[in-house]
């Protein structure tokens, strides 16, 4: 049966890193999606701030910031399967700060290897709605910036996963980079050709696909072998809610059919931190157990 994973975010805010791994393991998960984006938050990035971890002069000092996730994984016997890199990956008009963000991503690759994680989700480089680029400009920006990560990704054996994104304006959701899955396939294939080996893959975000009205089965089949990771979550079709399956409108039968069609056999990871906020914190362990059982049900149906 394929392993089941959940992000550390959500649980970390309640229990801390060590406590999050403990409760995640007890809930029945095999692996985690490590929220390394906690090292430099989206708000801090939007404000052009730095983080000490990414400014350390020595690699040893830098890795000390990653050590709690490494120690917790070893302590509780859980796999650090995939991780969130800090995001946004790009800030419009930020000049030298965008060069700093590339260095942040490079150092995150090194940190991933250190904690035993070899699948890093790096959000595409794109602007918000009122700063949108032409498709040609966006393509060039992404190819050039992802290419800068190739040498370290090779050295540390870390697969870089792109993700399907969206943006918004006045309450309306619009497509953003990699939401067109034909283009997403082209990104992954082009980057792997540039790298000379398969070091790029795709993280399919089910919630983002739902927001943009994408059929989840067709999305999975179109991306096929390029899918190396998942952000599995649900929503109401209008807001990026990050809820547990069946708390929103996604067709989970078609999700499983898609997985079965491509013979998916990697870790299935849930990005459902807001499900923990729907209920009282006392119920957080039970919510995690339900999500784990849901994942195991999906995995079992894949084998039927």
C-alpha atoms as a PDB file:
ATOM      1  CA  UNK A   1       0.000   0.000   0.000  1.00  0.00           C
ATOM      2  CA  UNK A   2       1.309   3.448  -0.885  1.00  0.00           C
ATOM      3  CA  UNK A   3       2.529   5.598   2.044  1.00  0.00           C
ATOM      4  CA  UNK A   4       0.296   8.359   3.398  1.00  0.00           C
ATOM      5  CA  UNK A   5       1.651  11.771   4.381  1.00  0.00           C
ATOM      6  CA  UNK A   6       0.423  15.069   5.840  1.00  0.00           C
ATOM      7  CA  UNK A   7       2.049  18.477   6.120  1.00  0.00           C
ATOM      8  CA  UNK A   8       3.636  19.430   9.431  1.00  0.00           C
ATOM      9  CA  UNK A   9       2.022  22.877   9.263  1.00  0.00           C
ATOM     10  CA  UNK A  10      -1.125  23.155  11.324  1.00  0.00           C
ATOM     11  CA  UNK A  11       0.059  20.541  13.794  1.00  0.00           C
ATOM     12  CA  UNK A  12       3.294  22.489  14.343  1.00  0.00           C
ATOM     13  CA  UNK A  13       1.342  25.567  15.408  1.00  0.00           C
ATOM     14  CA  UNK A  14      -0.419  23.508  18.084  1.00  0.00           C
ATOM     15  CA  UNK A  15       2.298  21.107  19.274  1.00  0.00           C
ATOM     16  CA  UNK A  16       5.639  22.453  18.027  1.00  0.00           C
ATOM     17  CA  UNK A  17       7.833  20.438  15.654  1.00  0.00           C
ATOM     18  CA  UNK A  18       8.549  17.457  17.929  1.00  0.00           C
ATOM     19  CA  UNK A  19       4.958  17.271  19.117  1.00  0.00           C
ATOM     20  CA  UNK A  20       3.637  17.530  15.568  1.00  0.00           C
ATOM     21  CA  UNK A  21       5.656  14.517  14.430  1.00  0.00           C
ATOM     22  CA  UNK A  22       4.470  12.571  17.475  1.00  0.00           C
ATOM     23  CA  UNK A  23       0.771  13.225  16.889  1.00  0.00           C
ATOM     24  CA  UNK A  24       1.129  12.690  13.126  1.00  0.00           C
ATOM     25  CA  UNK A  25       2.779   9.311  13.697  1.00  0.00           C
ATOM     26  CA  UNK A  26       0.131   8.316  16.243  1.00  0.00           C
ATOM     27  CA  UNK A  27      -2.595   9.276  13.761  1.00  0.00           C
ATOM     28  CA  UNK A  28      -1.304   6.621  11.366  1.00  0.00           C
ATOM     29  CA  UNK A  29       0.741   8.569   8.819  1.00  0.00           C
ATOM     30  CA  UNK A  30       3.896   7.140   7.272  1.00  0.00           C
ATOM     31  CA  UNK A  31       5.451  10.410   6.151  1.00  0.00           C
ATOM     32  CA  UNK A  32       5.247  14.203   6.299  1.00  0.00           C
ATOM     33  CA  UNK A  33       5.366  17.217   4.023  1.00  0.00           C
ATOM     34  CA  UNK A  34       7.809  19.458   5.910  1.00  0.00           C
ATOM     35  CA  UNK A  35       6.788  23.112   6.106  1.00  0.00           C
ATOM     36  CA  UNK A  36      10.230  24.611   5.564  1.00  0.00           C
ATOM     37  CA  UNK A  37       8.403  27.742   4.417  1.00  0.00           C
ATOM     38  CA  UNK A  38       8.072  28.504   8.142  1.00  0.00           C
ATOM     39  CA  UNK A  39      11.729  29.582   7.990  1.00  0.00           C
ATOM     40  CA  UNK A  40      10.775  32.588   5.821  1.00  0.00           C
ATOM     41  CA  UNK A  41       7.064  33.306   5.523  1.00  0.00           C
ATOM     42  CA  UNK A  42       5.160  34.692   2.511  1.00  0.00           C
ATOM     43  CA  UNK A  43       4.489  37.909   4.442  1.00  0.00           C
ATOM     44  CA  UNK A  44       8.173  38.331   5.243  1.00  0.00           C
ATOM     45  CA  UNK A  45       9.032  37.758   1.587  1.00  0.00           C
ATOM     46  CA  UNK A  46       6.437  40.278   0.427  1.00  0.00           C
ATOM     47  CA  UNK A  47       8.000  42.785   2.845  1.00  0.00           C
ATOM     48  CA  UNK A  48      11.492  42.097   1.497  1.00  0.00           C
ATOM     49  CA  UNK A  49      12.819  40.677   4.757  1.00  0.00           C
ATOM     50  CA  UNK A  50      15.701  38.283   5.333  1.00  0.00           C
ATOM     51  CA  UNK A  51      15.900  35.298   7.698  1.00  0.00           C
ATOM     52  CA  UNK A  52      18.952  34.450   9.792  1.00  0.00           C
ATOM     53  CA  UNK A  53      18.950  30.828   8.609  1.00  0.00           C
ATOM     54  CA  UNK A  54      19.589  31.923   5.022  1.00  0.00           C
ATOM     55  CA  UNK A  55      22.194  34.519   5.968  1.00  0.00           C
ATOM     56  CA  UNK A  56      24.447  32.197   7.986  1.00  0.00           C
ATOM     57  CA  UNK A  57      28.093  32.293   6.981  1.00  0.00           C
ATOM     58  CA  UNK A  58      28.663  28.585   7.639  1.00  0.00           C
ATOM     59  CA  UNK A  59      26.657  25.646   6.331  1.00  0.00           C
ATOM     60  CA  UNK A  60      26.881  24.015   9.752  1.00  0.00           C
ATOM     61  CA  UNK A  61      25.130  26.960  11.391  1.00  0.00           C
ATOM     62  CA  UNK A  62      22.504  27.049   8.649  1.00  0.00           C
ATOM     63  CA  UNK A  63      21.706  23.351   9.040  1.00  0.00           C
ATOM     64  CA  UNK A  64      21.125  23.825  12.764  1.00  0.00           C
ATOM     65  CA  UNK A  65      17.851  25.534  11.816  1.00  0.00           C
ATOM     66  CA  UNK A  66      16.771  22.404   9.913  1.00  0.00           C
ATOM     67  CA  UNK A  67      17.828  20.022  12.670  1.00  0.00           C
ATOM     68  CA  UNK A  68      14.500  19.932  14.607  1.00  0.00           C
ATOM     69  CA  UNK A  69      12.747  18.376  11.584  1.00  0.00           C
ATOM     70  CA  UNK A  70      15.577  15.878  11.103  1.00  0.00           C
ATOM     71  CA  UNK A  71      15.602  14.886  14.764  1.00  0.00           C
ATOM     72  CA  UNK A  72      11.821  14.506  14.994  1.00  0.00           C
ATOM     73  CA  UNK A  73      11.675  12.312  11.878  1.00  0.00           C
ATOM     74  CA  UNK A  74      14.355  10.008  13.268  1.00  0.00           C
ATOM     75  CA  UNK A  75      12.818   9.963  16.750  1.00  0.00           C
ATOM     76  CA  UNK A  76       9.351   8.912  15.579  1.00  0.00           C
ATOM     77  CA  UNK A  77      10.365   6.808  12.576  1.00  0.00           C
ATOM     78  CA  UNK A  78       8.569   8.921  10.002  1.00  0.00           C
ATOM     79  CA  UNK A  79       9.720   9.785   6.476  1.00  0.00           C
ATOM     80  CA  UNK A  80      10.395  13.403   5.482  1.00  0.00           C
ATOM     81  CA  UNK A  81       9.061  12.620   2.013  1.00  0.00           C
ATOM     82  CA  UNK A  82       8.496  16.116   0.630  1.00  0.00           C
ATOM     83  CA  UNK A  83       8.857  19.732   1.709  1.00  0.00           C
ATOM     84  CA  UNK A  84       7.533  23.235   1.030  1.00  0.00           C
ATOM     85  CA  UNK A  85      10.220  25.700   0.017  1.00  0.00           C
ATOM     86  CA  UNK A  86       9.722  29.288   1.201  1.00  0.00           C
ATOM     87  CA  UNK A  87       7.354  31.155  -1.117  1.00  0.00           C
ATOM     88  CA  UNK A  88       6.675  33.488  -2.927  1.00  0.00           C
ATOM     89  CA  UNK A  89       9.557  32.544  -5.205  1.00  0.00           C
ATOM     90  CA  UNK A  90       9.480  35.910  -6.978  1.00  0.00           C
ATOM     91  CA  UNK A  91       8.429  39.456  -6.084  1.00  0.00           C
ATOM     92  CA  UNK A  92       7.560  41.864  -8.892  1.00  0.00           C
ATOM     93  CA  UNK A  93      10.069  44.673  -9.238  1.00  0.00           C
ATOM     94  CA  UNK A  94      12.138  43.516  -6.265  1.00  0.00           C
ATOM     95  CA  UNK A  95      15.470  43.555  -8.101  1.00  0.00           C
ATOM     96  CA  UNK A  96      18.288  42.237  -5.912  1.00  0.00           C
ATOM     97  CA  UNK A  97      15.820  40.712  -3.451  1.00  0.00           C
ATOM     98  CA  UNK A  98      14.821  38.203  -6.117  1.00  0.00           C
ATOM     99  CA  UNK A  99      18.487  37.179  -6.324  1.00  0.00           C
ATOM    100  CA  UNK A 100      18.329  36.628  -2.561  1.00  0.00           C
ATOM    101  CA  UNK A 101      15.254  34.411  -3.006  1.00  0.00           C
ATOM    102  CA  UNK A 102      17.212  32.206  -5.427  1.00  0.00           C
ATOM    103  CA  UNK A 103      19.867  31.808  -2.732  1.00  0.00           C
ATOM    104  CA  UNK A 104      17.101  30.949  -0.240  1.00  0.00           C
ATOM    105  CA  UNK A 105      15.916  28.174  -2.557  1.00  0.00           C
ATOM    106  CA  UNK A 106      19.458  26.880  -3.048  1.00  0.00           C
ATOM    107  CA  UNK A 107      20.040  26.710   0.693  1.00  0.00           C
ATOM    108  CA  UNK A 108      16.675  25.007   1.147  1.00  0.00           C
ATOM    109  CA  UNK A 109      17.822  22.275  -1.263  1.00  0.00           C
ATOM    110  CA  UNK A 110      20.875  21.700   0.957  1.00  0.00           C
ATOM    111  CA  UNK A 111      18.614  21.631   4.028  1.00  0.00           C
ATOM    112  CA  UNK A 112      16.313  19.119   2.353  1.00  0.00           C
ATOM    113  CA  UNK A 113      19.164  16.712   1.774  1.00  0.00           C
ATOM    114  CA  UNK A 114      20.247  17.135   5.403  1.00  0.00           C
ATOM    115  CA  UNK A 115      16.830  16.153   6.788  1.00  0.00           C
ATOM    116  CA  UNK A 116      16.556  13.191   4.403  1.00  0.00           C
ATOM    117  CA  UNK A 117      13.959  14.824   2.162  1.00  0.00           C
ATOM    118  CA  UNK A 118      14.431  14.457  -1.579  1.00  0.00           C
ATOM    119  CA  UNK A 119      11.314  16.081  -3.011  1.00  0.00           C
ATOM    120  CA  UNK A 120      11.056  19.878  -2.731  1.00  0.00           C
ATOM    121  CA  UNK A 121       8.042  21.864  -3.935  1.00  0.00           C
ATOM    122  CA  UNK A 122       9.252  25.179  -5.376  1.00  0.00           C
ATOM    123  CA  UNK A 123       6.344  27.386  -6.403  1.00  0.00           C
ATOM    124  CA  UNK A 124       6.587  28.820  -9.931  1.00  0.00           C
ATOM    125  CA  UNK A 125       7.912  32.325 -10.459  1.00  0.00           C
ATOM    126  CA  UNK A 126       4.924  34.493 -11.332  1.00  0.00           C
ATOM    127  CA  UNK A 127       3.259  37.826 -10.595  1.00  0.00           C
ATOM    128  CA  UNK A 128      -0.049  38.622  -8.974  1.00  0.00           C
ATOM    129  CA  UNK A 129      -3.086  39.557 -11.074  1.00  0.00           C
ATOM    130  CA  UNK A 130      -2.345  43.285 -11.441  1.00  0.00           C
ATOM    131  CA  UNK A 131       1.280  42.561 -12.388  1.00  0.00           C
ATOM    132  CA  UNK A 132       0.721  39.685 -14.802  1.00  0.00           C
ATOM    133  CA  UNK A 133       3.348  38.990 -17.463  1.00  0.00           C
ATOM    134  CA  UNK A 134       2.825  37.725 -20.979  1.00  0.00           C
ATOM    135  CA  UNK A 135       3.048  33.914 -21.316  1.00  0.00           C
ATOM    136  CA  UNK A 136       6.378  34.332 -23.097  1.00  0.00           C
ATOM    137  CA  UNK A 137       7.826  36.499 -20.313  1.00  0.00           C
ATOM    138  CA  UNK A 138       6.596  34.065 -17.664  1.00  0.00           C
ATOM    139  CA  UNK A 139       8.100  31.104 -19.509  1.00  0.00           C
ATOM    140  CA  UNK A 140      11.496  32.788 -19.793  1.00  0.00           C
ATOM    141  CA  UNK A 141      11.483  33.830 -16.122  1.00  0.00           C
ATOM    142  CA  UNK A 142      10.632  30.328 -14.913  1.00  0.00           C
ATOM    143  CA  UNK A 143      13.037  28.458 -17.180  1.00  0.00           C
ATOM    144  CA  UNK A 144      15.899  30.780 -16.249  1.00  0.00           C
ATOM    145  CA  UNK A 145      15.240  30.647 -12.500  1.00  0.00           C
ATOM    146  CA  UNK A 146      14.578  26.912 -12.202  1.00  0.00           C
ATOM    147  CA  UNK A 147      17.739  26.317 -14.252  1.00  0.00           C
ATOM    148  CA  UNK A 148      19.742  28.068 -11.518  1.00  0.00           C
ATOM    149  CA  UNK A 149      18.715  25.270  -9.124  1.00  0.00           C
ATOM    150  CA  UNK A 150      19.881  22.412 -11.344  1.00  0.00           C
ATOM    151  CA  UNK A 151      23.488  22.036 -10.096  1.00  0.00           C
ATOM    152  CA  UNK A 152      22.537  21.833  -6.402  1.00  0.00           C
ATOM    153  CA  UNK A 153      19.501  19.641  -7.088  1.00  0.00           C
ATOM    154  CA  UNK A 154      21.801  17.197  -8.867  1.00  0.00           C
ATOM    155  CA  UNK A 155      24.440  17.311  -6.150  1.00  0.00           C
ATOM    156  CA  UNK A 156      21.958  16.720  -3.322  1.00  0.00           C
ATOM    157  CA  UNK A 157      19.625  14.347  -5.225  1.00  0.00           C
ATOM    158  CA  UNK A 158      16.586  16.554  -4.618  1.00  0.00           C
ATOM    159  CA  UNK A 159      13.679  16.480  -7.069  1.00  0.00           C
ATOM    160  CA  UNK A 160      12.302  19.980  -7.692  1.00  0.00           C
ATOM    161  CA  UNK A 161       8.518  19.945  -8.100  1.00  0.00           C
ATOM    162  CA  UNK A 162       6.540  22.687  -9.812  1.00  0.00           C
ATOM    163  CA  UNK A 163       2.944  23.283  -8.720  1.00  0.00           C
ATOM    164  CA  UNK A 164      -0.283  24.460 -10.382  1.00  0.00           C
ATOM    165  CA  UNK A 165      -1.037  27.986  -9.159  1.00  0.00           C
ATOM    166  CA  UNK A 166      -3.834  30.568  -9.181  1.00  0.00           C
ATOM    167  CA  UNK A 167      -4.222  34.262  -8.508  1.00  0.00           C
ATOM    168  CA  UNK A 168      -7.177  36.469  -7.599  1.00  0.00           C
ATOM    169  CA  UNK A 169      -8.761  39.864  -8.186  1.00  0.00           C
ATOM    170  CA  UNK A 170     -11.839  41.331  -6.487  1.00  0.00           C
ATOM    171  CA  UNK A 171     -12.894  37.938  -5.195  1.00  0.00           C
ATOM    172  CA  UNK A 172     -12.503  36.211  -8.571  1.00  0.00           C
ATOM    173  CA  UNK A 173     -10.019  33.377  -9.084  1.00  0.00           C
ATOM    174  CA  UNK A 174      -7.830  33.442 -12.187  1.00  0.00           C
ATOM    175  CA  UNK A 175      -5.409  30.934 -13.680  1.00  0.00           C
ATOM    176  CA  UNK A 176      -1.710  31.405 -12.945  1.00  0.00           C
ATOM    177  CA  UNK A 177       1.534  29.630 -13.803  1.00  0.00           C
ATOM    178  CA  UNK A 178       1.305  25.858 -14.411  1.00  0.00           C
ATOM    179  CA  UNK A 179      -2.498  25.791 -14.075  1.00  0.00           C
ATOM    180  CA  UNK A 180      -2.610  24.821 -17.743  1.00  0.00           C
ATOM    181  CA  UNK A 181      -1.422  21.246 -17.539  1.00  0.00           C
ATOM    182  CA  UNK A 182      -0.152  21.029 -21.115  1.00  0.00           C
ATOM    183  CA  UNK A 183       2.161  23.948 -20.330  1.00  0.00           C
ATOM    184  CA  UNK A 184       3.057  22.358 -16.989  1.00  0.00           C
ATOM    185  CA  UNK A 185       4.133  19.183 -18.805  1.00  0.00           C
ATOM    186  CA  UNK A 186       6.225  21.288 -21.178  1.00  0.00           C
ATOM    187  CA  UNK A 187       7.946  23.004 -18.233  1.00  0.00           C
ATOM    188  CA  UNK A 188       8.897  19.718 -16.578  1.00  0.00           C
ATOM    189  CA  UNK A 189      10.051  18.063 -19.806  1.00  0.00           C
ATOM    190  CA  UNK A 190      12.073  21.104 -20.922  1.00  0.00           C
ATOM    191  CA  UNK A 191      13.809  21.477 -17.567  1.00  0.00           C
ATOM    192  CA  UNK A 192      14.665  17.777 -17.395  1.00  0.00           C
ATOM    193  CA  UNK A 193      16.088  17.964 -20.909  1.00  0.00           C
ATOM    194  CA  UNK A 194      18.216  20.940 -19.820  1.00  0.00           C
ATOM    195  CA  UNK A 195      19.351  19.032 -16.722  1.00  0.00           C
ATOM    196  CA  UNK A 196      20.175  15.912 -18.692  1.00  0.00           C
ATOM    197  CA  UNK A 197      18.316  13.772 -16.184  1.00  0.00           C
ATOM    198  CA  UNK A 198      14.993  13.617 -14.371  1.00  0.00           C
ATOM    199  CA  UNK A 199      15.367  16.062 -11.488  1.00  0.00           C
ATOM    200  CA  UNK A 200      12.147  18.018 -12.068  1.00  0.00           C
ATOM    201  CA  UNK A 201       8.644  16.749 -11.395  1.00  0.00           C
ATOM    202  CA  UNK A 202       5.204  18.048 -10.551  1.00  0.00           C
ATOM    203  CA  UNK A 203       3.217  18.475  -7.355  1.00  0.00           C
ATOM    204  CA  UNK A 204      -0.462  18.390  -8.239  1.00  0.00           C
ATOM    205  CA  UNK A 205      -2.506  20.575  -5.921  1.00  0.00           C
ATOM    206  CA  UNK A 206      -6.058  19.220  -5.946  1.00  0.00           C
ATOM    207  CA  UNK A 207      -7.562  22.301  -4.298  1.00  0.00           C
ATOM    208  CA  UNK A 208      -6.029  24.676  -6.835  1.00  0.00           C
ATOM    209  CA  UNK A 209      -7.316  22.485  -9.669  1.00  0.00           C
ATOM    210  CA  UNK A 210     -10.825  22.608  -8.189  1.00  0.00           C
ATOM    211  CA  UNK A 211     -10.738  26.406  -7.891  1.00  0.00           C
ATOM    212  CA  UNK A 212     -10.055  26.671 -11.620  1.00  0.00           C
ATOM    213  CA  UNK A 213     -12.679  24.107 -12.610  1.00  0.00           C
ATOM    214  CA  UNK A 214     -10.197  21.454 -13.746  1.00  0.00           C
ATOM    215  CA  UNK A 215     -11.347  17.844 -13.876  1.00  0.00           C
ATOM    216  CA  UNK A 216      -9.055  16.096 -11.409  1.00  0.00           C
ATOM    217  CA  UNK A 217      -9.011  12.755 -13.228  1.00  0.00           C
ATOM    218  CA  UNK A 218      -8.019  14.329 -16.532  1.00  0.00           C
ATOM    219  CA  UNK A 219      -5.377  16.460 -14.786  1.00  0.00           C
ATOM    220  CA  UNK A 220      -3.760  13.394 -13.223  1.00  0.00           C
ATOM    221  CA  UNK A 221      -3.781  11.472 -16.495  1.00  0.00           C
ATOM    222  CA  UNK A 222      -2.354  14.424 -18.447  1.00  0.00           C
ATOM    223  CA  UNK A 223       0.510  14.953 -15.986  1.00  0.00           C
ATOM    224  CA  UNK A 224       1.067  11.205 -15.642  1.00  0.00           C
ATOM    225  CA  UNK A 225       4.570  10.087 -14.651  1.00  0.00           C
ATOM    226  CA  UNK A 226       5.606  13.702 -14.006  1.00  0.00           C
ATOM    227  CA  UNK A 227       3.640  13.676 -10.723  1.00  0.00           C
ATOM    228  CA  UNK A 228       6.143  13.091  -7.936  1.00  0.00           C
ATOM    229  CA  UNK A 229       4.143  14.669  -5.095  1.00  0.00           C
ATOM    230  CA  UNK A 230       0.673  15.827  -4.131  1.00  0.00           C
ATOM    231  CA  UNK A 231      -1.043  18.562  -2.161  1.00  0.00           C
ATOM    232  CA  UNK A 232      -4.340  16.801  -1.484  1.00  0.00           C
ATOM    233  CA  UNK A 233      -7.078  19.021  -0.060  1.00  0.00           C
ATOM    234  CA  UNK A 234     -10.645  20.173  -0.639  1.00  0.00           C
ATOM    235  CA  UNK A 235     -12.568  23.449  -0.860  1.00  0.00           C
ATOM    236  CA  UNK A 236     -15.902  25.006  -1.806  1.00  0.00           C
ATOM    237  CA  UNK A 237     -14.777  25.823  -5.349  1.00  0.00           C
ATOM    238  CA  UNK A 238     -14.414  29.533  -4.534  1.00  0.00           C
ATOM    239  CA  UNK A 239     -11.818  29.765  -1.755  1.00  0.00           C
ATOM    240  CA  UNK A 240      -8.442  28.072  -1.154  1.00  0.00           C
ATOM    241  CA  UNK A 241      -9.587  26.530   2.123  1.00  0.00           C
ATOM    242  CA  UNK A 242      -7.220  23.549   2.539  1.00  0.00           C
ATOM    243  CA  UNK A 243      -9.874  21.302   4.039  1.00  0.00           C
ATOM    244  CA  UNK A 244      -9.942  17.535   4.405  1.00  0.00           C
ATOM    245  CA  UNK A 245     -11.478  15.461   1.592  1.00  0.00           C
ATOM    246  CA  UNK A 246     -15.288  15.422   1.616  1.00  0.00           C
ATOM    247  CA  UNK A 247     -15.440  18.784   3.423  1.00  0.00           C
ATOM    248  CA  UNK A 248     -15.721  20.481   0.015  1.00  0.00           C
ATOM    249  CA  UNK A 249     -16.779  19.781  -3.559  1.00  0.00           C
ATOM    250  CA  UNK A 250     -13.952  17.823  -5.202  1.00  0.00           C
ATOM    251  CA  UNK A 251     -14.969  14.529  -6.839  1.00  0.00           C
ATOM    252  CA  UNK A 252     -12.820  12.069  -4.886  1.00  0.00           C
ATOM    253  CA  UNK A 253     -14.004   9.064  -6.881  1.00  0.00           C
ATOM    254  CA  UNK A 254     -12.509  10.617 -10.027  1.00  0.00           C
ATOM    255  CA  UNK A 255      -9.370  11.454  -8.070  1.00  0.00           C
ATOM    256  CA  UNK A 256      -8.838   7.783  -7.220  1.00  0.00           C
ATOM    257  CA  UNK A 257      -9.716   6.737 -10.781  1.00  0.00           C
ATOM    258  CA  UNK A 258      -7.005   9.080 -12.072  1.00  0.00           C
ATOM    259  CA  UNK A 259      -4.411   7.696  -9.687  1.00  0.00           C
ATOM    260  CA  UNK A 260      -5.320   4.183 -10.708  1.00  0.00           C
ATOM    261  CA  UNK A 261      -5.110   5.061 -14.405  1.00  0.00           C
ATOM    262  CA  UNK A 262      -1.474   6.220 -14.131  1.00  0.00           C
ATOM    263  CA  UNK A 263      -0.463   3.519 -11.638  1.00  0.00           C
ATOM    264  CA  UNK A 264       0.544   6.059  -8.996  1.00  0.00           C
ATOM    265  CA  UNK A 265       2.719   4.365  -6.367  1.00  0.00           C
ATOM    266  CA  UNK A 266       4.453   7.215  -4.548  1.00  0.00           C
ATOM    267  CA  UNK A 267       3.583   8.868  -1.260  1.00  0.00           C
ATOM    268  CA  UNK A 268       0.164  10.537  -1.164  1.00  0.00           C
ATOM    269  CA  UNK A 269       0.406  13.757   0.825  1.00  0.00           C
ATOM    270  CA  UNK A 270      -2.376  15.848   2.348  1.00  0.00           C
ATOM    271  CA  UNK A 271      -2.217  19.644   2.700  1.00  0.00           C
ATOM    272  CA  UNK A 272      -5.160  19.990   5.059  1.00  0.00           C
ATOM    273  CA  UNK A 273      -3.980  22.367   7.809  1.00  0.00           C
ATOM    274  CA  UNK A 274      -7.260  24.308   7.934  1.00  0.00           C
ATOM    275  CA  UNK A 275      -9.185  21.152   8.819  1.00  0.00           C
ATOM    276  CA  UNK A 276      -7.461  21.377  12.214  1.00  0.00           C
ATOM    277  CA  UNK A 277      -8.779  24.922  12.630  1.00  0.00           C
ATOM    278  CA  UNK A 278     -12.375  23.971  11.890  1.00  0.00           C
ATOM    279  CA  UNK A 279     -12.512  21.912  15.083  1.00  0.00           C
ATOM    280  CA  UNK A 280     -11.438  22.637  18.642  1.00  0.00           C
ATOM    281  CA  UNK A 281      -7.719  21.972  19.184  1.00  0.00           C
ATOM    282  CA  UNK A 282      -8.586  19.147  21.554  1.00  0.00           C
ATOM    283  CA  UNK A 283      -9.928  17.257  18.537  1.00  0.00           C
ATOM    284  CA  UNK A 284      -6.814  17.787  16.386  1.00  0.00           C
ATOM    285  CA  UNK A 285      -5.507  14.207  16.914  1.00  0.00           C
ATOM    286  CA  UNK A 286      -8.879  12.802  15.866  1.00  0.00           C
ATOM    287  CA  UNK A 287      -9.019  15.030  12.778  1.00  0.00           C
ATOM    288  CA  UNK A 288      -5.557  13.803  11.773  1.00  0.00           C
ATOM    289  CA  UNK A 289      -6.655  10.201  12.305  1.00  0.00           C
ATOM    290  CA  UNK A 290      -9.639  10.758  10.000  1.00  0.00           C
ATOM    291  CA  UNK A 291      -7.409  12.249   7.295  1.00  0.00           C
ATOM    292  CA  UNK A 292      -4.997   9.319   7.627  1.00  0.00           C
ATOM    293  CA  UNK A 293      -7.868   6.835   7.339  1.00  0.00           C
ATOM    294  CA  UNK A 294      -9.104   8.674   4.260  1.00  0.00           C
ATOM    295  CA  UNK A 295      -5.666   8.379   2.678  1.00  0.00           C
ATOM    296  CA  UNK A 296      -5.448   4.688   3.475  1.00  0.00           C
ATOM    297  CA  UNK A 297      -8.904   4.206   1.954  1.00  0.00           C
ATOM    298  CA  UNK A 298      -7.710   5.897  -1.260  1.00  0.00           C
ATOM    299  CA  UNK A 299      -4.592   3.705  -1.254  1.00  0.00           C
ATOM    300  CA  UNK A 300      -6.614   0.531  -0.740  1.00  0.00           C
ATOM    301  CA  UNK A 301      -8.993   1.405  -3.574  1.00  0.00           C
ATOM    302  CA  UNK A 302      -6.020   1.925  -5.879  1.00  0.00           C
ATOM    303  CA  UNK A 303      -5.137  -1.721  -5.355  1.00  0.00           C
ATOM    304  CA  UNK A 304      -8.639  -3.113  -5.766  1.00  0.00           C
END
